N, C-alpha and C. Protein backbone atom coordinates (compact mmCIF):
# COMPACT_ATOMS: atom_id res chain seq x y z
N MET A 1 29.88 25.80 160.85
CA MET A 1 30.02 25.31 162.08
C MET A 1 28.95 24.20 162.45
N PRO A 2 29.36 23.01 162.15
CA PRO A 2 28.63 21.86 162.63
C PRO A 2 28.23 21.81 163.99
N ALA A 3 27.08 21.45 164.12
CA ALA A 3 26.45 21.35 165.52
C ALA A 3 27.01 20.07 166.09
N LYS A 4 27.54 19.96 167.46
CA LYS A 4 27.87 19.10 168.14
C LYS A 4 26.97 18.29 169.11
N GLN A 5 26.38 19.35 169.89
CA GLN A 5 25.30 19.06 170.55
C GLN A 5 24.44 20.37 170.99
N ALA A 6 23.19 20.18 171.26
CA ALA A 6 22.36 21.28 171.49
C ALA A 6 21.80 20.96 172.91
N LYS A 7 22.10 21.99 173.66
CA LYS A 7 21.49 22.00 175.02
C LYS A 7 20.94 23.50 175.59
N GLY A 8 19.60 23.40 175.86
CA GLY A 8 18.81 24.52 176.03
C GLY A 8 19.24 25.62 175.06
N GLU A 9 19.42 26.98 175.33
CA GLU A 9 19.44 27.98 174.41
C GLU A 9 20.63 27.81 173.33
N TYR A 10 21.90 27.46 173.80
CA TYR A 10 22.82 27.22 173.08
C TYR A 10 23.39 25.97 172.18
N ILE A 11 23.87 26.29 171.01
CA ILE A 11 24.19 25.18 170.25
C ILE A 11 26.01 25.02 170.32
N GLU A 12 26.45 24.05 170.74
CA GLU A 12 27.79 23.85 170.79
C GLU A 12 28.52 23.39 169.51
N THR A 13 29.38 23.85 168.87
CA THR A 13 30.08 23.46 167.86
C THR A 13 31.26 22.42 168.08
N ASP A 14 31.80 21.96 167.09
CA ASP A 14 32.82 20.88 167.42
C ASP A 14 34.14 21.62 167.98
N THR A 15 34.26 23.02 167.63
CA THR A 15 35.45 23.53 168.23
C THR A 15 35.16 24.17 169.53
N GLY A 16 34.15 23.95 170.15
CA GLY A 16 33.75 24.37 171.21
C GLY A 16 33.19 25.85 171.49
N ASN A 17 32.70 26.35 170.16
CA ASN A 17 31.83 27.68 170.25
C ASN A 17 30.58 27.29 170.75
N LYS A 18 29.96 28.33 171.40
CA LYS A 18 28.68 27.99 172.00
C LYS A 18 27.70 29.52 171.39
N VAL A 19 26.79 29.04 170.65
CA VAL A 19 26.04 30.16 169.75
C VAL A 19 24.51 30.01 170.24
N SER A 20 24.00 31.17 170.73
CA SER A 20 22.78 31.21 171.02
C SER A 20 21.67 31.01 169.80
N ARG A 21 20.82 30.32 170.22
CA ARG A 21 19.75 30.16 169.04
C ARG A 21 18.90 31.29 168.65
N LYS A 22 19.24 32.34 169.67
CA LYS A 22 18.34 33.60 169.32
C LYS A 22 19.20 34.64 168.85
N SER A 23 20.64 34.09 168.28
CA SER A 23 21.45 35.02 167.71
C SER A 23 21.08 35.20 166.19
N ASN A 24 21.58 36.32 165.69
CA ASN A 24 21.36 36.38 164.24
C ASN A 24 22.50 36.32 163.35
N ILE A 25 23.00 35.35 162.87
CA ILE A 25 24.28 35.18 162.21
C ILE A 25 23.85 34.82 160.61
N VAL A 26 24.07 35.88 159.85
CA VAL A 26 23.98 35.86 158.58
C VAL A 26 25.27 35.64 157.48
N GLY A 27 25.09 34.85 156.60
CA GLY A 27 26.27 34.43 155.90
C GLY A 27 27.33 33.49 156.58
N SER A 28 26.93 32.49 157.22
CA SER A 28 27.91 31.67 158.11
C SER A 28 29.01 31.30 157.47
N GLN A 29 28.93 30.85 156.14
CA GLN A 29 29.84 30.16 155.39
C GLN A 29 31.14 31.21 155.17
N THR A 30 30.82 32.21 155.32
CA THR A 30 32.14 33.47 155.10
C THR A 30 32.54 33.90 156.47
N ILE A 31 32.12 33.31 157.64
CA ILE A 31 32.45 33.75 158.89
C ILE A 31 33.43 32.50 159.53
N ILE A 32 34.52 32.97 159.94
CA ILE A 32 35.23 31.86 160.72
C ILE A 32 35.50 32.20 162.04
N LEU A 33 35.21 31.02 162.93
CA LEU A 33 35.19 30.97 164.30
C LEU A 33 36.45 30.37 164.91
N GLY A 34 37.40 30.91 165.30
CA GLY A 34 38.59 30.13 165.77
C GLY A 34 38.36 29.09 166.75
N GLY A 35 37.41 29.23 167.76
CA GLY A 35 36.95 28.22 168.55
C GLY A 35 36.80 28.90 170.07
N ARG A 36 36.04 28.36 170.98
CA ARG A 36 35.74 28.68 172.13
C ARG A 36 35.22 30.08 172.49
N THR A 37 34.33 30.44 171.64
CA THR A 37 33.72 31.58 171.58
C THR A 37 32.26 31.56 171.90
N ILE A 38 31.86 32.60 172.59
CA ILE A 38 30.26 32.52 172.87
C ILE A 38 29.75 33.79 172.40
N ILE A 39 28.62 33.37 171.70
CA ILE A 39 27.70 34.50 171.15
C ILE A 39 26.26 34.49 171.59
N GLN A 40 25.93 35.49 172.22
CA GLN A 40 24.72 35.58 173.06
C GLN A 40 23.29 35.93 172.23
N ALA A 41 22.24 35.89 172.83
CA ALA A 41 21.11 36.04 172.18
C ALA A 41 21.00 37.55 171.57
N GLU A 42 20.48 37.55 170.19
CA GLU A 42 20.37 38.75 169.63
C GLU A 42 21.27 39.52 169.30
N CYS A 43 22.54 38.95 169.29
CA CYS A 43 23.64 39.32 168.53
C CYS A 43 23.80 39.09 167.01
N THR A 44 23.94 40.00 166.47
CA THR A 44 23.99 39.99 164.92
C THR A 44 25.46 39.92 164.23
N ILE A 45 25.94 39.13 163.46
CA ILE A 45 26.86 38.93 162.93
C ILE A 45 26.57 38.93 161.37
N ARG A 46 27.28 40.13 160.59
CA ARG A 46 26.77 39.88 159.19
C ARG A 46 28.10 39.21 158.15
N GLY A 47 28.13 38.09 158.16
CA GLY A 47 28.90 37.47 157.14
C GLY A 47 28.46 37.55 155.65
N ASP A 48 27.21 37.97 155.47
CA ASP A 48 26.91 38.10 154.13
C ASP A 48 27.38 39.33 153.44
N LEU A 49 27.82 40.43 154.28
CA LEU A 49 28.49 41.60 153.97
C LEU A 49 29.90 41.41 153.48
N ARG A 50 30.09 40.80 152.33
CA ARG A 50 31.42 40.37 151.86
C ARG A 50 31.91 41.28 150.85
N ARG A 51 33.26 41.36 150.61
CA ARG A 51 33.88 41.94 149.38
C ARG A 51 33.35 41.54 148.08
N THR A 52 33.14 42.44 147.17
CA THR A 52 32.33 42.24 146.06
C THR A 52 33.20 42.84 144.93
N ILE A 53 34.37 43.78 145.11
CA ILE A 53 35.24 44.10 144.26
C ILE A 53 36.67 43.08 144.32
N PRO A 54 36.98 42.42 143.07
CA PRO A 54 38.07 41.68 143.17
C PRO A 54 39.32 42.39 143.75
N SER A 55 40.06 41.61 144.39
CA SER A 55 41.04 42.02 145.02
C SER A 55 42.48 41.98 144.22
N SER A 56 43.49 42.69 144.46
CA SER A 56 44.60 42.42 143.63
C SER A 56 45.34 41.27 143.66
N SER A 57 45.31 40.43 144.78
CA SER A 57 45.61 39.11 144.89
C SER A 57 45.08 38.17 143.92
N SER A 58 43.75 38.35 144.10
CA SER A 58 42.87 37.59 143.06
C SER A 58 43.21 38.00 141.54
N SER A 59 43.32 39.06 141.33
CA SER A 59 43.74 39.27 140.01
C SER A 59 44.87 38.82 139.44
N SER A 60 45.87 38.76 140.38
CA SER A 60 47.27 38.30 139.95
C SER A 60 47.17 36.78 139.93
N SER A 61 46.24 36.15 140.90
CA SER A 61 46.31 34.78 140.69
C SER A 61 45.71 34.11 139.39
N SER A 62 45.07 35.02 138.51
CA SER A 62 44.54 34.49 137.26
C SER A 62 45.67 34.15 136.36
N THR A 63 46.72 34.58 136.70
CA THR A 63 47.72 34.56 135.68
C THR A 63 49.02 33.42 136.28
N ASN A 64 48.51 33.26 137.58
CA ASN A 64 48.96 31.90 138.34
C ASN A 64 48.31 31.03 138.67
N PRO A 65 47.88 29.94 138.03
CA PRO A 65 46.63 29.09 138.28
C PRO A 65 47.10 28.29 139.66
N GLY A 66 48.17 28.21 139.99
CA GLY A 66 48.53 27.44 141.20
C GLY A 66 48.21 28.09 142.67
N SER A 67 47.99 29.44 142.69
CA SER A 67 47.50 30.07 143.68
C SER A 67 46.16 30.32 143.91
N THR A 68 45.39 30.14 142.81
CA THR A 68 43.88 30.46 142.66
C THR A 68 43.09 29.99 143.85
N SER A 69 43.44 28.75 144.29
CA SER A 69 42.52 27.97 145.65
C SER A 69 42.65 28.76 146.74
N SER A 70 43.78 29.24 147.07
CA SER A 70 44.27 29.81 148.39
C SER A 70 43.85 31.19 148.48
N SER A 71 43.79 32.04 147.27
CA SER A 71 43.66 33.45 147.12
C SER A 71 41.99 33.46 147.29
N SER A 72 41.48 32.46 146.37
CA SER A 72 39.98 32.53 146.47
C SER A 72 39.36 32.34 147.80
N SER A 73 39.91 31.28 148.50
CA SER A 73 39.09 30.96 149.86
C SER A 73 39.49 32.14 150.87
N HIS A 74 40.76 32.90 150.89
CA HIS A 74 40.79 34.20 151.67
C HIS A 74 39.80 35.26 151.20
N SER A 75 39.61 35.52 149.95
CA SER A 75 38.72 36.49 149.56
C SER A 75 37.25 36.26 149.96
N ASN A 76 36.90 34.93 150.19
CA ASN A 76 35.44 34.60 150.46
C ASN A 76 35.22 34.89 151.96
N VAL A 77 36.17 35.18 152.86
CA VAL A 77 36.13 35.27 154.50
C VAL A 77 35.65 36.80 154.55
N ALA A 78 34.28 36.80 155.02
CA ALA A 78 34.07 38.33 155.41
C ALA A 78 34.42 38.64 156.82
N ILE A 79 34.35 37.67 157.89
CA ILE A 79 34.71 38.10 159.20
C ILE A 79 35.65 36.93 159.86
N ALA A 80 36.70 37.16 160.07
CA ALA A 80 37.42 36.08 160.86
C ALA A 80 37.63 36.66 162.39
N ILE A 81 37.24 35.64 163.28
CA ILE A 81 37.04 35.70 164.76
C ILE A 81 38.10 34.72 165.22
N GLY A 82 38.82 35.15 166.26
CA GLY A 82 40.06 34.23 166.87
C GLY A 82 39.41 33.37 168.06
N ARG A 83 40.07 33.19 168.78
CA ARG A 83 39.66 32.16 169.99
C ARG A 83 39.23 32.75 171.27
N TYR A 84 38.31 32.32 171.99
CA TYR A 84 37.95 32.85 173.44
C TYR A 84 37.35 34.23 173.27
N CYS A 85 36.49 34.25 172.32
CA CYS A 85 36.03 35.75 172.28
C CYS A 85 34.49 35.81 172.83
N PHE A 86 33.91 36.93 173.07
CA PHE A 86 32.60 36.85 173.80
C PHE A 86 31.92 38.02 172.96
N PHE A 87 30.74 37.74 172.85
CA PHE A 87 29.83 38.60 171.84
C PHE A 87 28.48 38.72 172.82
N SER A 88 28.20 40.00 173.47
CA SER A 88 27.16 40.11 174.32
C SER A 88 25.77 40.41 173.50
N ARG A 89 24.86 40.25 174.08
CA ARG A 89 23.43 40.60 173.62
C ARG A 89 23.34 41.90 172.89
N SER A 90 22.64 41.77 171.78
CA SER A 90 22.32 42.93 171.00
C SER A 90 23.65 43.60 170.41
N CYS A 91 24.71 43.08 170.43
CA CYS A 91 25.67 43.68 169.71
C CYS A 91 25.74 43.29 168.39
N VAL A 92 26.26 44.30 167.54
CA VAL A 92 26.40 44.04 165.88
C VAL A 92 27.96 44.16 165.41
N ILE A 93 28.14 42.93 164.69
CA ILE A 93 29.46 43.02 164.12
C ILE A 93 29.36 42.95 162.55
N ARG A 94 29.54 43.70 161.91
CA ARG A 94 29.42 43.80 160.29
C ARG A 94 30.87 44.55 159.75
N PRO A 95 31.21 43.97 158.58
CA PRO A 95 32.41 44.44 157.89
C PRO A 95 32.27 45.74 157.49
N PRO A 96 33.29 46.54 157.48
CA PRO A 96 33.48 48.02 156.99
C PRO A 96 33.15 48.18 155.59
N CYS A 97 32.63 49.24 154.94
CA CYS A 97 32.29 49.31 153.56
C CYS A 97 32.81 50.83 153.05
N LYS A 98 33.02 51.00 151.86
CA LYS A 98 33.36 52.20 151.19
C LYS A 98 33.24 52.00 149.77
N THR A 99 33.12 53.11 149.17
CA THR A 99 33.19 53.36 147.69
C THR A 99 34.72 53.73 147.24
N LEU A 100 35.10 52.78 146.49
CA LEU A 100 36.33 52.97 145.90
C LEU A 100 36.52 53.20 144.13
N LYS A 101 36.56 54.09 143.80
CA LYS A 101 36.66 54.15 142.01
C LYS A 101 35.31 53.99 141.61
N GLY A 102 34.33 54.59 142.29
CA GLY A 102 33.06 54.44 141.89
C GLY A 102 32.23 53.10 142.16
N GLN A 103 33.06 52.18 142.78
CA GLN A 103 32.44 50.84 143.24
C GLN A 103 32.34 50.71 144.80
N PHE A 104 31.04 50.35 145.37
CA PHE A 104 30.70 50.32 146.60
C PHE A 104 31.28 48.79 147.02
N SER A 105 31.84 48.62 148.11
CA SER A 105 32.15 47.07 148.71
C SER A 105 32.37 47.12 150.10
N TYR A 106 32.18 45.93 150.55
CA TYR A 106 32.55 45.75 151.79
C TYR A 106 33.91 44.94 152.05
N TYR A 107 34.47 45.05 153.12
CA TYR A 107 35.94 44.68 153.19
C TYR A 107 36.03 43.85 154.32
N PRO A 108 36.89 42.84 154.37
CA PRO A 108 37.17 41.92 155.40
C PRO A 108 37.27 42.50 156.82
N MET A 109 36.79 41.84 157.73
CA MET A 109 37.21 42.28 159.13
C MET A 109 37.74 41.15 159.92
N LYS A 110 38.90 41.38 160.67
CA LYS A 110 39.78 40.51 161.48
C LYS A 110 39.83 40.73 162.88
N LEU A 111 39.09 39.69 163.77
CA LEU A 111 39.31 39.85 165.21
C LEU A 111 40.19 38.92 166.01
N GLY A 112 41.07 39.49 167.02
CA GLY A 112 41.98 38.49 167.14
C GLY A 112 41.47 37.47 168.53
N ASP A 113 42.23 37.10 169.35
CA ASP A 113 41.77 36.23 170.45
C ASP A 113 41.31 36.90 171.57
N HIS A 114 40.45 36.33 172.50
CA HIS A 114 40.19 37.28 173.78
C HIS A 114 39.56 38.68 173.46
N VAL A 115 38.66 38.65 172.44
CA VAL A 115 37.83 39.97 172.31
C VAL A 115 36.41 39.83 172.86
N PHE A 116 36.40 40.96 173.72
CA PHE A 116 34.95 41.12 174.37
C PHE A 116 34.21 42.03 173.88
N VAL A 117 32.86 41.86 173.52
CA VAL A 117 32.04 43.22 172.88
C VAL A 117 30.89 43.31 173.68
N GLY A 118 30.76 44.28 174.30
CA GLY A 118 29.79 44.71 175.24
C GLY A 118 28.15 44.73 174.68
N GLU A 119 27.43 44.59 175.38
CA GLU A 119 25.85 44.68 175.13
C GLU A 119 25.40 46.04 174.17
N GLY A 120 24.96 45.74 173.07
CA GLY A 120 24.56 46.98 172.43
C GLY A 120 25.58 47.54 171.50
N SER A 121 26.66 47.25 171.39
CA SER A 121 27.86 47.70 170.68
C SER A 121 27.82 47.40 169.41
N VAL A 122 28.21 48.52 168.57
CA VAL A 122 28.39 48.08 166.88
C VAL A 122 29.77 48.15 166.60
N VAL A 123 30.17 47.16 165.91
CA VAL A 123 31.57 47.23 165.63
C VAL A 123 31.75 46.96 164.23
N GLU A 124 32.41 47.98 163.46
CA GLU A 124 32.84 47.94 161.88
C GLU A 124 34.30 48.07 161.66
N ALA A 125 34.98 47.70 162.61
CA ALA A 125 36.40 47.85 162.48
C ALA A 125 36.92 47.02 161.32
N ALA A 126 38.21 47.45 160.80
CA ALA A 126 38.76 46.72 159.86
C ALA A 126 39.53 45.35 160.73
N VAL A 127 40.34 45.86 161.78
CA VAL A 127 41.09 45.01 162.76
C VAL A 127 40.74 45.22 164.06
N VAL A 128 40.51 44.13 164.91
CA VAL A 128 40.56 44.27 166.46
C VAL A 128 41.49 43.20 166.91
N GLY A 129 42.55 43.75 167.57
CA GLY A 129 43.49 42.75 168.08
C GLY A 129 43.24 41.87 169.03
N SER A 130 44.01 41.27 169.72
CA SER A 130 43.79 40.37 170.95
C SER A 130 43.61 40.89 172.21
N TRP A 131 43.13 40.37 173.19
CA TRP A 131 42.74 41.11 174.54
C TRP A 131 42.39 42.40 174.29
N VAL A 132 41.32 42.44 173.83
CA VAL A 132 40.42 43.64 173.59
C VAL A 132 39.19 43.73 174.44
N LYS A 133 38.97 44.59 175.31
CA LYS A 133 37.45 44.57 175.61
C LYS A 133 36.83 45.96 175.26
N ILE A 134 35.63 45.69 174.33
CA ILE A 134 34.80 46.62 174.15
C ILE A 134 33.66 46.68 174.85
N GLY A 135 33.30 48.01 175.65
CA GLY A 135 32.22 48.16 176.57
C GLY A 135 30.85 48.16 175.99
N LYS A 136 29.98 48.44 177.09
CA LYS A 136 28.59 48.54 176.37
C LYS A 136 28.35 49.79 175.59
N ASP A 137 27.48 49.63 174.75
CA ASP A 137 26.74 50.72 173.68
C ASP A 137 28.04 51.42 173.18
N CYS A 138 29.05 50.87 172.67
CA CYS A 138 30.18 51.44 172.06
C CYS A 138 30.02 51.50 170.47
N VAL A 139 30.53 52.54 169.85
CA VAL A 139 30.55 52.38 168.29
C VAL A 139 31.82 52.65 167.90
N ILE A 140 32.28 51.55 167.19
CA ILE A 140 33.68 51.35 166.65
C ILE A 140 33.52 51.66 165.04
N GLY A 141 34.03 52.77 164.64
CA GLY A 141 33.62 53.12 163.37
C GLY A 141 34.39 52.47 162.25
N LYS A 142 34.08 52.61 161.17
CA LYS A 142 34.45 51.98 159.74
C LYS A 142 35.96 51.97 159.86
N PHE A 143 36.60 50.79 159.33
CA PHE A 143 38.08 50.75 159.18
C PHE A 143 38.96 51.33 160.25
N ALA A 144 38.34 51.30 161.55
CA ALA A 144 39.26 51.46 162.72
C ALA A 144 40.05 50.40 163.00
N ILE A 145 41.25 50.63 163.44
CA ILE A 145 42.23 49.57 163.87
C ILE A 145 42.49 49.62 165.36
N ILE A 146 41.98 48.59 166.05
CA ILE A 146 42.18 48.45 167.40
C ILE A 146 43.35 47.44 167.77
N LYS A 147 44.62 48.06 168.26
CA LYS A 147 45.52 47.07 168.40
C LYS A 147 45.49 46.11 169.71
N ASP A 148 46.47 45.44 170.06
CA ASP A 148 46.45 44.59 171.30
C ASP A 148 46.26 45.14 172.47
N CYS A 149 45.72 44.69 173.50
CA CYS A 149 45.40 45.03 174.73
C CYS A 149 44.88 46.38 175.00
N VAL A 150 43.82 46.43 174.78
CA VAL A 150 42.87 47.68 174.74
C VAL A 150 41.80 47.63 175.37
N LYS A 151 41.35 48.73 176.24
CA LYS A 151 40.07 48.44 176.90
C LYS A 151 39.16 49.66 176.63
N ILE A 152 38.29 49.69 176.00
CA ILE A 152 37.20 50.66 175.78
C ILE A 152 36.18 50.82 176.36
N GLU A 153 35.88 52.03 177.19
CA GLU A 153 35.03 52.04 178.25
C GLU A 153 33.46 52.13 177.48
N ASP A 154 32.50 52.25 178.49
CA ASP A 154 31.14 52.04 177.94
C ASP A 154 30.73 53.36 177.32
N GLY A 155 29.88 53.30 176.31
CA GLY A 155 29.51 54.48 175.65
C GLY A 155 30.49 55.14 174.66
N THR A 156 31.93 54.64 174.59
CA THR A 156 32.69 55.25 173.63
C THR A 156 32.42 55.19 172.15
N VAL A 157 32.52 56.24 171.40
CA VAL A 157 32.48 56.34 169.98
C VAL A 157 33.94 56.46 169.25
N ILE A 158 34.19 55.58 168.68
CA ILE A 158 35.48 55.68 167.98
C ILE A 158 35.36 55.91 166.43
N ALA A 159 35.91 57.12 165.86
CA ALA A 159 35.71 57.57 164.69
C ALA A 159 36.16 56.73 163.56
N PRO A 160 35.59 56.71 162.40
CA PRO A 160 36.36 55.74 161.16
C PRO A 160 37.79 56.00 161.08
N ASN A 161 38.39 54.97 160.57
CA ASN A 161 39.75 54.99 160.28
C ASN A 161 40.87 55.16 161.37
N THR A 162 40.14 55.46 162.55
CA THR A 162 40.95 55.59 163.82
C THR A 162 42.17 54.54 164.17
N VAL A 163 43.21 54.63 164.65
CA VAL A 163 43.87 53.63 164.76
C VAL A 163 44.39 53.88 166.53
N ILE A 164 43.97 52.69 167.22
CA ILE A 164 44.09 52.90 168.45
C ILE A 164 45.43 52.05 169.14
N PRO A 165 46.55 52.72 169.61
CA PRO A 165 47.62 51.63 169.92
C PRO A 165 47.60 50.79 170.98
N SER A 166 48.45 49.81 171.21
CA SER A 166 48.39 48.77 172.17
C SER A 166 48.41 49.48 173.60
N PHE A 167 47.80 48.78 174.48
CA PHE A 167 47.81 48.93 175.96
C PHE A 167 47.28 50.48 176.20
N SER A 168 46.02 50.53 175.56
CA SER A 168 45.42 51.93 175.79
C SER A 168 43.97 51.62 176.38
N LEU A 169 43.68 52.61 177.48
CA LEU A 169 42.36 52.77 177.88
C LEU A 169 41.64 53.88 177.20
N VAL A 170 40.63 53.59 176.33
CA VAL A 170 40.08 54.72 175.68
C VAL A 170 38.50 54.93 176.28
N ARG A 171 38.12 56.03 176.14
CA ARG A 171 36.92 56.79 176.42
C ARG A 171 36.42 57.88 175.70
N GLY A 172 35.10 58.29 175.67
CA GLY A 172 34.82 59.67 175.25
C GLY A 172 34.05 59.31 173.79
N ARG A 173 33.58 60.60 173.40
CA ARG A 173 32.64 60.87 172.11
C ARG A 173 33.22 62.27 171.65
N PRO A 174 34.41 61.99 170.51
CA PRO A 174 35.09 60.79 170.00
C PRO A 174 36.01 60.17 170.87
N GLY A 175 36.27 58.93 170.91
CA GLY A 175 37.00 58.38 171.47
C GLY A 175 38.59 58.69 171.60
N ALA A 176 39.09 58.75 172.70
CA ALA A 176 40.56 59.22 172.84
C ALA A 176 41.24 58.41 173.89
N VAL A 177 42.59 58.10 173.85
CA VAL A 177 43.32 57.46 174.73
C VAL A 177 43.52 58.20 175.97
N VAL A 178 43.01 57.90 177.12
CA VAL A 178 43.17 58.58 178.37
C VAL A 178 44.23 58.23 179.27
N GLU A 179 44.50 56.81 179.05
CA GLU A 179 45.50 56.28 180.04
C GLU A 179 46.22 55.18 179.23
N GLU A 180 47.26 54.78 179.93
CA GLU A 180 48.23 53.75 179.41
C GLU A 180 48.07 52.60 180.32
N LEU A 181 47.68 51.37 179.77
CA LEU A 181 47.58 50.22 180.50
C LEU A 181 48.86 49.54 180.74
N PRO A 182 48.84 48.87 181.88
CA PRO A 182 49.92 48.14 182.52
C PRO A 182 50.56 47.06 181.65
N GLU A 183 51.62 46.46 181.75
CA GLU A 183 52.14 45.29 180.95
C GLU A 183 51.20 44.03 181.32
N THR A 184 50.74 44.31 182.59
CA THR A 184 50.05 43.08 182.98
C THR A 184 48.59 43.04 182.42
N ALA A 185 48.15 43.88 181.78
CA ALA A 185 46.83 43.94 181.09
C ALA A 185 46.12 42.67 180.50
N PRO A 186 46.87 42.01 179.82
CA PRO A 186 46.32 40.82 179.04
C PRO A 186 45.75 39.90 180.22
N GLU A 187 46.09 39.75 181.35
CA GLU A 187 45.53 38.95 182.33
C GLU A 187 44.14 39.24 182.82
N GLY A 188 44.05 40.75 182.86
CA GLY A 188 42.52 41.14 183.11
C GLY A 188 41.68 41.19 181.91
N LEU A 189 42.04 40.98 180.65
CA LEU A 189 41.25 40.76 179.61
C LEU A 189 41.10 39.70 179.09
N ASP A 190 41.60 38.70 179.63
CA ASP A 190 41.36 37.32 179.30
C ASP A 190 40.08 36.70 179.39
N CYS A 191 39.68 36.05 178.22
CA CYS A 191 38.06 35.86 178.36
C CYS A 191 37.92 34.23 178.63
N LYS A 192 39.04 33.50 178.78
CA LYS A 192 39.03 31.91 179.02
C LYS A 192 37.75 31.53 180.12
N PHE A 193 37.77 32.38 181.09
CA PHE A 193 37.07 31.81 182.19
C PHE A 193 35.60 31.96 182.05
N LEU A 194 35.32 33.09 180.93
CA LEU A 194 33.90 33.07 180.59
C LEU A 194 33.18 31.52 180.12
N LEU A 195 34.05 30.97 179.57
CA LEU A 195 33.46 29.63 179.16
C LEU A 195 33.24 28.54 180.36
N PHE A 196 33.62 28.90 181.52
CA PHE A 196 33.45 28.07 182.64
C PHE A 196 32.58 28.48 183.68
N SER A 197 31.96 29.79 183.46
CA SER A 197 31.21 30.67 184.22
C SER A 197 29.59 30.01 183.99
N HIS A 198 29.06 29.49 185.10
CA HIS A 198 27.88 28.96 185.18
C HIS A 198 26.71 30.00 185.25
N SER A 199 27.18 30.98 185.38
CA SER A 199 26.06 32.22 185.38
C SER A 199 26.59 33.59 184.49
N LEU A 200 25.92 33.74 183.33
CA LEU A 200 26.32 34.82 182.40
C LEU A 200 26.02 36.00 183.21
N SER A 201 25.10 36.09 184.14
CA SER A 201 24.61 37.32 184.67
C SER A 201 25.73 37.99 185.50
N CYS A 202 26.76 37.35 185.78
CA CYS A 202 27.99 37.88 186.54
C CYS A 202 28.71 38.64 185.81
N LEU A 203 28.66 38.92 184.55
CA LEU A 203 29.84 39.62 183.63
C LEU A 203 29.95 41.09 184.22
N ASP A 204 28.87 41.68 184.45
CA ASP A 204 29.12 43.14 184.75
C ASP A 204 29.95 43.21 185.93
N TYR A 205 29.84 42.41 186.96
CA TYR A 205 30.74 42.24 187.94
C TYR A 205 32.03 41.86 187.79
N LEU A 206 32.24 40.91 186.85
CA LEU A 206 33.65 40.39 186.56
C LEU A 206 34.46 41.53 185.64
N PHE A 207 33.73 42.09 184.82
CA PHE A 207 34.52 43.21 183.92
C PHE A 207 34.52 44.56 184.44
N SER A 208 34.03 44.89 185.74
CA SER A 208 33.97 46.22 186.23
C SER A 208 35.44 46.56 186.71
């Protein structure tokens, strides 16, 4: 993430990402930011927690030299983040982990476009789709799969390995689908306008 220009608290990259100087990004070389993403102060993103067990694709590439470079580049990505995402203060994004055949390892995490993560939330999902709002103080358990167009209310705890279907409103401990969102949900979950907001303090109002 080469710095294009630094103004005040935020550093802006060539792809329009705005990263707070007070954020905690570890292992940036294994984190992909799609662009136009805001990372607020005290947000922690753990790119250093990457896969240590060779994947089956990397094993097969040893017998196919022509595929080595592409498979190795994918295996080095710990967290892939899409465009127009917003990571609030004190949230934590870290890849899920498990022990498989006696070997402990972390596994890649993928987040789509227009993903909002609220203040103090912890996300360890395997996949978060596009147009997803995660409220404040939520816990998204290891290897959870959050599909497109999902709103997770404040304080929700989603158990590990849970699959949340598209167009769902989720709340509770443990989190459960309580309502189906309308087809117009992506419009209300679009994060583009956050980039043009001059006052980040208005977020509670905008997402209420």
